[in-house]
Amino acid sequence: MILVFKHFFYKNYVGLSLWPFIILKNDALKEDTVLINHEKIHLKQQQELLILPFYVFYITEWLLRSLFYLNSYKAYQNISFEREAYHNERNLNYPSERTTFAFIKYL
């Protein structure tokens, strides 16, 4: 299910997946198939990790990478979940073809 909340996002962020929703910054983004696919990949990741552990792992990885890079945006870009989603977002079949725990190879 896709929801739109204009005032929910920080700076340049335009989309977010919070199981079972994809939340977008504006209605026009519903037509962005690459963005929607990116967020669908995150929904698959969340589902396979039983939702709550996904968020714990995501935040932990971001914190550790923030310490390593001393740059929160670079840390975000290098989170394994994000690396998998960015690498595969243009393959619109990826969410259905994706193997379980595929994010591990992006650690």
PDB file of N, CA and C in Angstrom:
ATOM      1  N   MET A   1       0.842  -1.173   0.000  1.00  0.00           N
ATOM      2  CA  MET A   1       0.000   0.000   0.000  1.00  0.00           C
ATOM      3  C   MET A   1       0.888   1.237   0.000  1.00  0.00           C
ATOM      4  N   ILE A   2       0.586   2.178  -0.855  1.00  0.00           N
ATOM      5  CA  ILE A   2       1.376   3.401  -0.973  1.00  0.00           C
ATOM      6  C   ILE A   2       0.619   4.562  -0.325  1.00  0.00           C
ATOM      7  N   LEU A   3       1.321   5.262   0.559  1.00  0.00           N
ATOM      8  CA  LEU A   3       0.777   6.444   1.236  1.00  0.00           C
ATOM      9  C   LEU A   3       1.617   7.658   0.870  1.00  0.00           C
ATOM     10  N   VAL A   4       1.035   8.839   0.947  1.00  0.00           N
ATOM     11  CA  VAL A   4       1.759  10.076   0.667  1.00  0.00           C
ATOM     12  C   VAL A   4       1.668  10.988   1.880  1.00  0.00           C
ATOM     13  N   PHE A   5       2.854  11.402   2.374  1.00  0.00           N
ATOM     14  CA  PHE A   5       2.956  12.362   3.483  1.00  0.00           C
ATOM     15  C   PHE A   5       4.043  13.362   3.116  1.00  0.00           C
ATOM     16  N   LYS A   6       3.653  14.564   2.762  1.00  0.00           N
ATOM     17  CA  LYS A   6       4.607  15.590   2.318  1.00  0.00           C
ATOM     18  C   LYS A   6       5.623  15.974   3.389  1.00  0.00           C
ATOM     19  N   HIS A   7       5.185  16.080   4.614  1.00  0.00           N
ATOM     20  CA  HIS A   7       6.017  16.655   5.664  1.00  0.00           C
ATOM     21  C   HIS A   7       6.744  15.601   6.496  1.00  0.00           C
ATOM     22  N   PHE A   8       6.824  14.401   5.981  1.00  0.00           N
ATOM     23  CA  PHE A   8       7.408  13.282   6.717  1.00  0.00           C
ATOM     24  C   PHE A   8       8.904  13.139   6.460  1.00  0.00           C
ATOM     25  N   PHE A   9       9.416  13.793   5.414  1.00  0.00           N
ATOM     26  CA  PHE A   9      10.765  13.515   4.939  1.00  0.00           C
ATOM     27  C   PHE A   9      11.762  14.610   5.240  1.00  0.00           C
ATOM     28  N   TYR A  10      12.994  14.164   5.447  1.00  0.00           N
ATOM     29  CA  TYR A  10      14.123  15.023   5.760  1.00  0.00           C
ATOM     30  C   TYR A  10      14.910  15.291   4.481  1.00  0.00           C
ATOM     31  N   LYS A  11      15.192  16.529   4.183  1.00  0.00           N
ATOM     32  CA  LYS A  11      16.009  16.967   3.039  1.00  0.00           C
ATOM     33  C   LYS A  11      15.580  16.321   1.731  1.00  0.00           C
ATOM     34  N   ASN A  12      16.493  15.595   1.092  1.00  0.00           N
ATOM     35  CA  ASN A  12      16.259  15.059  -0.252  1.00  0.00           C
ATOM     36  C   ASN A  12      15.613  13.679  -0.267  1.00  0.00           C
ATOM     37  N   TYR A  13      15.275  13.136   0.874  1.00  0.00           N
ATOM     38  CA  TYR A  13      14.650  11.821   0.905  1.00  0.00           C
ATOM     39  C   TYR A  13      13.213  11.930   0.393  1.00  0.00           C
ATOM     40  N   VAL A  14      12.812  10.965  -0.436  1.00  0.00           N
ATOM     41  CA  VAL A  14      11.483  11.048  -1.052  1.00  0.00           C
ATOM     42  C   VAL A  14      10.635   9.798  -0.837  1.00  0.00           C
ATOM     43  N   GLY A  15      11.231   8.730  -0.343  1.00  0.00           N
ATOM     44  CA  GLY A  15      10.483   7.497  -0.153  1.00  0.00           C
ATOM     45  C   GLY A  15      11.010   6.708   1.028  1.00  0.00           C
ATOM     46  N   LEU A  16      10.122   5.888   1.583  1.00  0.00           N
ATOM     47  CA  LEU A  16      10.458   5.108   2.770  1.00  0.00           C
ATOM     48  C   LEU A  16       9.530   3.911   2.838  1.00  0.00           C
ATOM     49  N   SER A  17      10.061   2.798   3.267  1.00  0.00           N
ATOM     50  CA  SER A  17       9.240   1.600   3.470  1.00  0.00           C
ATOM     51  C   SER A  17       9.152   1.298   4.950  1.00  0.00           C
ATOM     52  N   LEU A  18       7.950   1.278   5.447  1.00  0.00           N
ATOM     53  CA  LEU A  18       7.665   0.853   6.820  1.00  0.00           C
ATOM     54  C   LEU A  18       6.586  -0.210   6.709  1.00  0.00           C
ATOM     55  N   TRP A  19       6.992  -1.447   6.895  1.00  0.00           N
ATOM     56  CA  TRP A  19       6.113  -2.581   6.664  1.00  0.00           C
ATOM     57  C   TRP A  19       4.710  -2.318   7.171  1.00  0.00           C
ATOM     58  N   PRO A  20       3.701  -2.486   6.397  1.00  0.00           N
ATOM     59  CA  PRO A  20       3.618  -2.951   5.009  1.00  0.00           C
ATOM     60  C   PRO A  20       3.414  -1.802   4.016  1.00  0.00           C
ATOM     61  N   PHE A  21       3.842  -0.607   4.383  1.00  0.00           N
ATOM     62  CA  PHE A  21       3.564   0.590   3.582  1.00  0.00           C
ATOM     63  C   PHE A  21       4.802   1.115   2.866  1.00  0.00           C
ATOM     64  N   ILE A  22       4.572   1.710   1.722  1.00  0.00           N
ATOM     65  CA  ILE A  22       5.566   2.548   1.053  1.00  0.00           C
ATOM     66  C   ILE A  22       5.045   3.970   1.231  1.00  0.00           C
ATOM     67  N   ILE A  23       5.865   4.819   1.823  1.00  0.00           N
ATOM     68  CA  ILE A  23       5.473   6.201   2.092  1.00  0.00           C
ATOM     69  C   ILE A  23       6.283   7.108   1.170  1.00  0.00           C
ATOM     70  N   LEU A  24       5.585   7.983   0.449  1.00  0.00           N
ATOM     71  CA  LEU A  24       6.227   8.870  -0.515  1.00  0.00           C
ATOM     72  C   LEU A  24       6.000  10.328  -0.143  1.00  0.00           C
ATOM     73  N   LYS A  25       6.894  11.185  -0.651  1.00  0.00           N
ATOM     74  CA  LYS A  25       6.827  12.611  -0.360  1.00  0.00           C
ATOM     75  C   LYS A  25       5.705  13.315  -1.117  1.00  0.00           C
ATOM     76  N   ASN A  26       5.385  12.824  -2.329  1.00  0.00           N
ATOM     77  CA  ASN A  26       4.287  13.443  -3.085  1.00  0.00           C
ATOM     78  C   ASN A  26       3.657  12.437  -4.040  1.00  0.00           C
ATOM     79  N   ASP A  27       2.480  12.762  -4.526  1.00  0.00           N
ATOM     80  CA  ASP A  27       1.706  11.875  -5.399  1.00  0.00           C
ATOM     81  C   ASP A  27       2.426  11.526  -6.691  1.00  0.00           C
ATOM     82  N   ALA A  28       3.155  12.473  -7.256  1.00  0.00           N
ATOM     83  CA  ALA A  28       3.831  12.242  -8.531  1.00  0.00           C
ATOM     84  C   ALA A  28       4.822  11.082  -8.448  1.00  0.00           C
ATOM     85  N   LEU A  29       5.356  10.836  -7.273  1.00  0.00           N
ATOM     86  CA  LEU A  29       6.345   9.762  -7.101  1.00  0.00           C
ATOM     87  C   LEU A  29       5.739   8.375  -7.266  1.00  0.00           C
ATOM     88  N   LYS A  30       4.426   8.285  -7.212  1.00  0.00           N
ATOM     89  CA  LYS A  30       3.770   6.987  -7.443  1.00  0.00           C
ATOM     90  C   LYS A  30       4.074   6.448  -8.831  1.00  0.00           C
ATOM     91  N   GLU A  31       4.410   7.339  -9.756  1.00  0.00           N
ATOM     92  CA  GLU A  31       4.715   6.956 -11.140  1.00  0.00           C
ATOM     93  C   GLU A  31       6.184   6.607 -11.340  1.00  0.00           C
ATOM     94  N   ASP A  32       7.011   6.813 -10.340  1.00  0.00           N
ATOM     95  CA  ASP A  32       8.447   6.520 -10.436  1.00  0.00           C
ATOM     96  C   ASP A  32       8.673   5.034 -10.167  1.00  0.00           C
ATOM     97  N   THR A  33       8.712   4.247 -11.231  1.00  0.00           N
ATOM     98  CA  THR A  33       8.795   2.785 -11.087  1.00  0.00           C
ATOM     99  C   THR A  33      10.094   2.345 -10.427  1.00  0.00           C
ATOM    100  N   VAL A  34      11.179   3.071 -10.662  1.00  0.00           N
ATOM    101  CA  VAL A  34      12.462   2.711 -10.048  1.00  0.00           C
ATOM    102  C   VAL A  34      12.393   2.928  -8.533  1.00  0.00           C
ATOM    103  N   LEU A  35      11.871   4.053  -8.118  1.00  0.00           N
ATOM    104  CA  LEU A  35      11.724   4.331  -6.682  1.00  0.00           C
ATOM    105  C   LEU A  35      10.802   3.304  -6.018  1.00  0.00           C
ATOM    106  N   ILE A  36       9.676   3.027  -6.640  1.00  0.00           N
ATOM    107  CA  ILE A  36       8.731   2.053  -6.067  1.00  0.00           C
ATOM    108  C   ILE A  36       9.394   0.686  -5.976  1.00  0.00           C
ATOM    109  N   ASN A  37      10.154   0.310  -6.989  1.00  0.00           N
ATOM    110  CA  ASN A  37      10.850  -0.976  -6.965  1.00  0.00           C
ATOM    111  C   ASN A  37      11.886  -1.011  -5.840  1.00  0.00           C
ATOM    112  N   HIS A  38      12.619   0.089  -5.665  1.00  0.00           N
ATOM    113  CA  HIS A  38      13.599   0.203  -4.574  1.00  0.00           C
ATOM    114  C   HIS A  38      12.903  -0.058  -3.232  1.00  0.00           C
ATOM    115  N   GLU A  39      11.762   0.567  -3.044  1.00  0.00           N
ATOM    116  CA  GLU A  39      11.027   0.408  -1.786  1.00  0.00           C
ATOM    117  C   GLU A  39      10.439  -0.999  -1.649  1.00  0.00           C
ATOM    118  N   LYS A  40      10.042  -1.620  -2.753  1.00  0.00           N
ATOM    119  CA  LYS A  40       9.560  -3.005  -2.702  1.00  0.00           C
ATOM    120  C   LYS A  40      10.667  -3.959  -2.272  1.00  0.00           C
ATOM    121  N   ILE A  41      11.887  -3.670  -2.688  1.00  0.00           N
ATOM    122  CA  ILE A  41      13.033  -4.484  -2.252  1.00  0.00           C
ATOM    123  C   ILE A  41      13.165  -4.392  -0.737  1.00  0.00           C
ATOM    124  N   HIS A  42      13.015  -3.178  -0.201  1.00  0.00           N
ATOM    125  CA  HIS A  42      13.075  -3.017   1.258  1.00  0.00           C
ATOM    126  C   HIS A  42      11.943  -3.787   1.954  1.00  0.00           C
ATOM    127  N   LEU A  43      10.760  -3.798   1.367  1.00  0.00           N
ATOM    128  CA  LEU A  43       9.658  -4.563   1.969  1.00  0.00           C
ATOM    129  C   LEU A  43       9.992  -6.043   2.013  1.00  0.00           C
ATOM    130  N   LYS A  44      10.640  -6.556   0.972  1.00  0.00           N
ATOM    131  CA  LYS A  44      11.071  -7.965   0.965  1.00  0.00           C
ATOM    132  C   LYS A  44      12.099  -8.218   2.063  1.00  0.00           C
ATOM    133  N   GLN A  45      13.039  -7.301   2.216  1.00  0.00           N
ATOM    134  CA  GLN A  45      14.053  -7.423   3.263  1.00  0.00           C
ATOM    135  C   GLN A  45      13.401  -7.428   4.641  1.00  0.00           C
ATOM    136  N   GLN A  46      12.465  -6.537   4.848  1.00  0.00           N
ATOM    137  CA  GLN A  46      11.776  -6.446   6.132  1.00  0.00           C
ATOM    138  C   GLN A  46      11.002  -7.719   6.417  1.00  0.00           C
ATOM    139  N   GLN A  47      10.336  -8.235   5.413  1.00  0.00           N
ATOM    140  CA  GLN A  47       9.529  -9.442   5.576  1.00  0.00           C
ATOM    141  C   GLN A  47      10.394 -10.645   5.948  1.00  0.00           C
ATOM    142  N   GLU A  48      11.517 -10.819   5.265  1.00  0.00           N
ATOM    143  CA  GLU A  48      12.339 -11.994   5.534  1.00  0.00           C
ATOM    144  C   GLU A  48      13.010 -11.940   6.902  1.00  0.00           C
ATOM    145  N   LEU A  49      13.211 -10.743   7.433  1.00  0.00           N
ATOM    146  CA  LEU A  49      13.807 -10.616   8.765  1.00  0.00           C
ATOM    147  C   LEU A  49      12.745 -10.436   9.851  1.00  0.00           C
ATOM    148  N   LEU A  50      11.509 -10.683   9.503  1.00  0.00           N
ATOM    149  CA  LEU A  50      10.387 -10.606  10.451  1.00  0.00           C
ATOM    150  C   LEU A  50      10.219  -9.200  11.028  1.00  0.00           C
ATOM    151  N   ILE A  51      10.438  -8.224  10.219  1.00  0.00           N
ATOM    152  CA  ILE A  51      10.171  -6.806  10.410  1.00  0.00           C
ATOM    153  C   ILE A  51      11.023  -6.140  11.490  1.00  0.00           C
ATOM    154  N   LEU A  52      10.783  -6.386  12.743  1.00  0.00           N
ATOM    155  CA  LEU A  52      11.519  -5.692  13.803  1.00  0.00           C
ATOM    156  C   LEU A  52      13.028  -5.920  13.737  1.00  0.00           C
ATOM    157  N   PRO A  53      13.518  -7.146  13.554  1.00  0.00           N
ATOM    158  CA  PRO A  53      14.973  -7.325  13.433  1.00  0.00           C
ATOM    159  C   PRO A  53      15.573  -6.539  12.260  1.00  0.00           C
ATOM    160  N   PHE A  54      14.800  -6.347  11.202  1.00  0.00           N
ATOM    161  CA  PHE A  54      15.287  -5.534  10.081  1.00  0.00           C
ATOM    162  C   PHE A  54      15.653  -4.140  10.576  1.00  0.00           C
ATOM    163  N   TYR A  55      14.744  -3.505  11.308  1.00  0.00           N
ATOM    164  CA  TYR A  55      14.986  -2.142  11.773  1.00  0.00           C
ATOM    165  C   TYR A  55      16.151  -2.079  12.756  1.00  0.00           C
ATOM    166  N   VAL A  56      16.262  -3.081  13.609  1.00  0.00           N
ATOM    167  CA  VAL A  56      17.388  -3.126  14.564  1.00  0.00           C
ATOM    168  C   VAL A  56      18.702  -3.250  13.803  1.00  0.00           C
ATOM    169  N   PHE A  57      18.748  -4.162  12.839  1.00  0.00           N
ATOM    170  CA  PHE A  57      19.954  -4.367  12.049  1.00  0.00           C
ATOM    171  C   PHE A  57      20.272  -3.122  11.218  1.00  0.00           C
ATOM    172  N   TYR A  58      19.261  -2.522  10.608  1.00  0.00           N
ATOM    173  CA  TYR A  58      19.437  -1.332   9.767  1.00  0.00           C
ATOM    174  C   TYR A  58      20.054  -0.196  10.589  1.00  0.00           C
ATOM    175  N   ILE A  59      19.469   0.086  11.736  1.00  0.00           N
ATOM    176  CA  ILE A  59      19.959   1.186  12.581  1.00  0.00           C
ATOM    177  C   ILE A  59      21.352   0.880  13.120  1.00  0.00           C
ATOM    178  N   THR A  60      21.581  -0.353  13.532  1.00  0.00           N
ATOM    179  CA  THR A  60      22.901  -0.743  14.044  1.00  0.00           C
ATOM    180  C   THR A  60      23.964  -0.584  12.963  1.00  0.00           C
ATOM    181  N   GLU A  61      23.648  -1.062  11.765  1.00  0.00           N
ATOM    182  CA  GLU A  61      24.609  -0.939  10.668  1.00  0.00           C
ATOM    183  C   GLU A  61      24.868   0.528  10.335  1.00  0.00           C
ATOM    184  N   TRP A  62      23.820   1.348  10.338  1.00  0.00           N
ATOM    185  CA  TRP A  62      24.000   2.773  10.068  1.00  0.00           C
ATOM    186  C   TRP A  62      24.883   3.432  11.132  1.00  0.00           C
ATOM    187  N   LEU A  63      24.653   3.104  12.398  1.00  0.00           N
ATOM    188  CA  LEU A  63      25.473   3.677  13.477  1.00  0.00           C
ATOM    189  C   LEU A  63      26.939   3.281  13.344  1.00  0.00           C
ATOM    190  N   LEU A  64      27.187   2.003  13.082  1.00  0.00           N
ATOM    191  CA  LEU A  64      28.569   1.536  12.936  1.00  0.00           C
ATOM    192  C   LEU A  64      29.253   2.176  11.732  1.00  0.00           C
ATOM    193  N   ARG A  65      28.535   2.254  10.634  1.00  0.00           N
ATOM    194  CA  ARG A  65      29.120   2.866   9.437  1.00  0.00           C
ATOM    195  C   ARG A  65      29.286   4.382   9.611  1.00  0.00           C
ATOM    196  N   SER A  66      28.430   5.012  10.391  1.00  0.00           N
ATOM    197  CA  SER A  66      28.597   6.442  10.685  1.00  0.00           C
ATOM    198  C   SER A  66      29.896   6.679  11.453  1.00  0.00           C
ATOM    199  N   LEU A  67      30.189   5.802  12.387  1.00  0.00           N
ATOM    200  CA  LEU A  67      31.449   5.905  13.121  1.00  0.00           C
ATOM    201  C   LEU A  67      32.637   5.658  12.200  1.00  0.00           C
ATOM    202  N   PHE A  68      32.500   4.702  11.305  1.00  0.00           N
ATOM    203  CA  PHE A  68      33.578   4.351  10.392  1.00  0.00           C
ATOM    204  C   PHE A  68      33.852   5.473   9.383  1.00  0.00           C
ATOM    205  N   TYR A  69      32.800   5.994   8.760  1.00  0.00           N
ATOM    206  CA  TYR A  69      32.961   7.017   7.720  1.00  0.00           C
ATOM    207  C   TYR A  69      32.970   8.445   8.262  1.00  0.00           C
ATOM    208  N   LEU A  70      32.482   8.631   9.491  1.00  0.00           N
ATOM    209  CA  LEU A  70      32.318   9.963  10.074  1.00  0.00           C
ATOM    210  C   LEU A  70      31.467  10.858   9.161  1.00  0.00           C
ATOM    211  N   ASN A  71      30.486  10.221   8.531  1.00  0.00           N
ATOM    212  CA  ASN A  71      29.605  10.916   7.601  1.00  0.00           C
ATOM    213  C   ASN A  71      28.305  10.118   7.547  1.00  0.00           C
ATOM    214  N   SER A  72      27.224  10.695   8.045  1.00  0.00           N
ATOM    215  CA  SER A  72      25.972   9.937   8.153  1.00  0.00           C
ATOM    216  C   SER A  72      25.372   9.577   6.797  1.00  0.00           C
ATOM    217  N   TYR A  73      25.526  10.459   5.792  1.00  0.00           N
ATOM    218  CA  TYR A  73      24.962  10.141   4.477  1.00  0.00           C
ATOM    219  C   TYR A  73      25.762   9.026   3.799  1.00  0.00           C
ATOM    220  N   LYS A  74      27.067   9.080   3.908  1.00  0.00           N
ATOM    221  CA  LYS A  74      27.899   8.008   3.333  1.00  0.00           C
ATOM    222  C   LYS A  74      27.610   6.689   4.049  1.00  0.00           C
ATOM    223  N   ALA A  75      27.355   6.767   5.340  1.00  0.00           N
ATOM    224  CA  ALA A  75      26.990   5.568   6.105  1.00  0.00           C
ATOM    225  C   ALA A  75      25.687   4.997   5.571  1.00  0.00           C
ATOM    226  N   TYR A  76      24.698   5.851   5.357  1.00  0.00           N
ATOM    227  CA  TYR A  76      23.410   5.426   4.798  1.00  0.00           C
ATOM    228  C   TYR A  76      23.605   4.737   3.450  1.00  0.00           C
ATOM    229  N   GLN A  77      24.409   5.336   2.580  1.00  0.00           N
ATOM    230  CA  GLN A  77      24.641   4.778   1.252  1.00  0.00           C
ATOM    231  C   GLN A  77      25.290   3.397   1.298  1.00  0.00           C
ATOM    232  N   ASN A  78      25.995   3.098   2.373  1.00  0.00           N
ATOM    233  CA  ASN A  78      26.730   1.843   2.471  1.00  0.00           C
ATOM    234  C   ASN A  78      26.071   0.794   3.354  1.00  0.00           C
ATOM    235  N   ILE A  79      24.880   1.051   3.832  1.00  0.00           N
ATOM    236  CA  ILE A  79      24.130   0.029   4.558  1.00  0.00           C
ATOM    237  C   ILE A  79      23.824  -1.089   3.566  1.00  0.00           C
ATOM    238  N   SER A  80      24.018  -2.319   3.973  1.00  0.00           N
ATOM    239  CA  SER A  80      23.841  -3.452   3.060  1.00  0.00           C
ATOM    240  C   SER A  80      22.458  -3.469   2.423  1.00  0.00           C
ATOM    241  N   PHE A  81      21.429  -3.144   3.165  1.00  0.00           N
ATOM    242  CA  PHE A  81      20.072  -3.120   2.629  1.00  0.00           C
ATOM    243  C   PHE A  81      19.939  -2.074   1.515  1.00  0.00           C
ATOM    244  N   GLU A  82      20.547  -0.917   1.720  1.00  0.00           N
ATOM    245  CA  GLU A  82      20.504   0.144   0.710  1.00  0.00           C
ATOM    246  C   GLU A  82      21.337  -0.227  -0.506  1.00  0.00           C
ATOM    247  N   ARG A  83      22.498  -0.803  -0.275  1.00  0.00           N
ATOM    248  CA  ARG A  83      23.350  -1.197  -1.402  1.00  0.00           C
ATOM    249  C   ARG A  83      22.632  -2.210  -2.286  1.00  0.00           C
ATOM    250  N   GLU A  84      21.959  -3.183  -1.674  1.00  0.00           N
ATOM    251  CA  GLU A  84      21.205  -4.157  -2.456  1.00  0.00           C
ATOM    252  C   GLU A  84      20.086  -3.466  -3.238  1.00  0.00           C
ATOM    253  N   ALA A  85      19.342  -2.599  -2.575  1.00  0.00           N
ATOM    254  CA  ALA A  85      18.212  -1.933  -3.226  1.00  0.00           C
ATOM    255  C   ALA A  85      18.669  -1.017  -4.356  1.00  0.00           C
ATOM    256  N   TYR A  86      19.708  -0.221  -4.122  1.00  0.00           N
ATOM    257  CA  TYR A  86      20.197   0.661  -5.182  1.00  0.00           C
ATOM    258  C   TYR A  86      20.768  -0.132  -6.353  1.00  0.00           C
ATOM    259  N   HIS A  87      21.481  -1.203  -6.058  1.00  0.00           N
ATOM    260  CA  HIS A  87      22.100  -2.014  -7.113  1.00  0.00           C
ATOM    261  C   HIS A  87      21.050  -2.670  -8.013  1.00  0.00           C
ATOM    262  N   ASN A  88      19.881  -2.997  -7.462  1.00  0.00           N
ATOM    263  CA  ASN A  88      18.876  -3.759  -8.195  1.00  0.00           C
ATOM    264  C   ASN A  88      17.585  -3.003  -8.507  1.00  0.00           C
ATOM    265  N   GLU A  89      17.522  -1.719  -8.187  1.00  0.00           N
ATOM    266  CA  GLU A  89      16.267  -0.983  -8.316  1.00  0.00           C
ATOM    267  C   GLU A  89      15.766  -0.863  -9.752  1.00  0.00           C
ATOM    268  N   ARG A  90      16.628  -0.945 -10.724  1.00  0.00           N
ATOM    269  CA  ARG A  90      16.207  -0.818 -12.127  1.00  0.00           C
ATOM    270  C   ARG A  90      15.724  -2.147 -12.716  1.00  0.00           C
ATOM    271  N   ASN A  91      15.979  -3.237 -12.003  1.00  0.00           N
ATOM    272  CA  ASN A  91      15.491  -4.551 -12.428  1.00  0.00           C
ATOM    273  C   ASN A  91      14.117  -4.741 -11.796  1.00  0.00           C
ATOM    274  N   LEU A  92      13.077  -4.465 -12.561  1.00  0.00           N
ATOM    275  CA  LEU A  92      11.724  -4.488 -12.011  1.00  0.00           C
ATOM    276  C   LEU A  92      11.264  -5.894 -11.628  1.00  0.00           C
ATOM    277  N   ASN A  93      11.980  -6.910 -12.045  1.00  0.00           N
ATOM    278  CA  ASN A  93      11.665  -8.291 -11.664  1.00  0.00           C
ATOM    279  C   ASN A  93      12.408  -8.729 -10.402  1.00  0.00           C
ATOM    280  N   TYR A  94      13.341  -7.901  -9.956  1.00  0.00           N
ATOM    281  CA  TYR A  94      14.187  -8.304  -8.833  1.00  0.00           C
ATOM    282  C   TYR A  94      13.410  -8.698  -7.571  1.00  0.00           C
ATOM    283  N   PRO A  95      12.411  -7.949  -7.149  1.00  0.00           N
ATOM    284  CA  PRO A  95      11.710  -8.362  -5.920  1.00  0.00           C
ATOM    285  C   PRO A  95      11.150  -9.786  -5.986  1.00  0.00           C
ATOM    286  N   SER A  96      10.682 -10.205  -7.140  1.00  0.00           N
ATOM    287  CA  SER A  96      10.134 -11.570  -7.248  1.00  0.00           C
ATOM    288  C   SER A  96      11.223 -12.617  -7.487  1.00  0.00           C
ATOM    289  N   GLU A  97      12.358 -12.218  -8.040  1.00  0.00           N
ATOM    290  CA  GLU A  97      13.462 -13.148  -8.316  1.00  0.00           C
ATOM    291  C   GLU A  97      14.475 -13.228  -7.179  1.00  0.00           C
ATOM    292  N   ARG A  98      14.416 -12.292  -6.282  1.00  0.00           N
ATOM    293  CA  ARG A  98      15.398 -12.140  -5.206  1.00  0.00           C
ATOM    294  C   ARG A  98      15.486 -13.392  -4.349  1.00  0.00           C
ATOM    295  N   THR A  99      16.736 -13.784  -4.020  1.00  0.00           N
ATOM    296  CA  THR A  99      16.936 -14.917  -3.127  1.00  0.00           C
ATOM    297  C   THR A  99      16.881 -14.435  -1.674  1.00  0.00           C
ATOM    298  N   THR A 100      16.538 -15.321  -0.795  1.00  0.00           N
ATOM    299  CA  THR A 100      16.428 -15.011   0.627  1.00  0.00           C
ATOM    300  C   THR A 100      17.788 -14.541   1.165  1.00  0.00           C
ATOM    301  N   PHE A 101      17.765 -13.515   1.974  1.00  0.00           N
ATOM    302  CA  PHE A 101      18.961 -12.934   2.605  1.00  0.00           C
ATOM    303  C   PHE A 101      19.992 -12.445   1.594  1.00  0.00           C
ATOM    304  N   ALA A 102      19.522 -11.999   0.438  1.00  0.00           N
ATOM    305  CA  ALA A 102      20.433 -11.500  -0.613  1.00  0.00           C
ATOM    306  C   ALA A 102      21.251 -10.295  -0.145  1.00  0.00           C
ATOM    307  N   PHE A 103      20.756  -9.557   0.838  1.00  0.00           N
ATOM    308  CA  PHE A 103      21.468  -8.379   1.321  1.00  0.00           C
ATOM    309  C   PHE A 103      22.830  -8.726   1.913  1.00  0.00           C
ATOM    310  N   ILE A 104      23.014  -9.972   2.345  1.00  0.00           N
ATOM    311  CA  ILE A 104      24.261 -10.382   3.002  1.00  0.00           C
ATOM    312  C   ILE A 104      25.465 -10.173   2.099  1.00  0.00           C
ATOM    313  N   LYS A 105      25.307 -10.405   0.806  1.00  0.00           N
ATOM    314  CA  LYS A 105      26.457 -10.225  -0.093  1.00  0.00           C
ATOM    315  C   LYS A 105      26.832  -8.756  -0.276  1.00  0.00           C
ATOM    316  N   TYR A 106      26.033  -7.843   0.265  1.00  0.00           N
ATOM    317  CA  TYR A 106      26.325  -6.420   0.180  1.00  0.00           C
ATOM    318  C   TYR A 106      26.911  -5.854   1.489  1.00  0.00           C
ATOM    319  N   LEU A 107      27.164  -6.730   2.444  1.00  0.00           N
ATOM    320  CA  LEU A 107      27.732  -6.259   3.729  1.00  0.00           C
ATOM    321  C   LEU A 107      29.110  -5.671   3.564  1.00  0.00           C
TER     322      LEU A 107
END
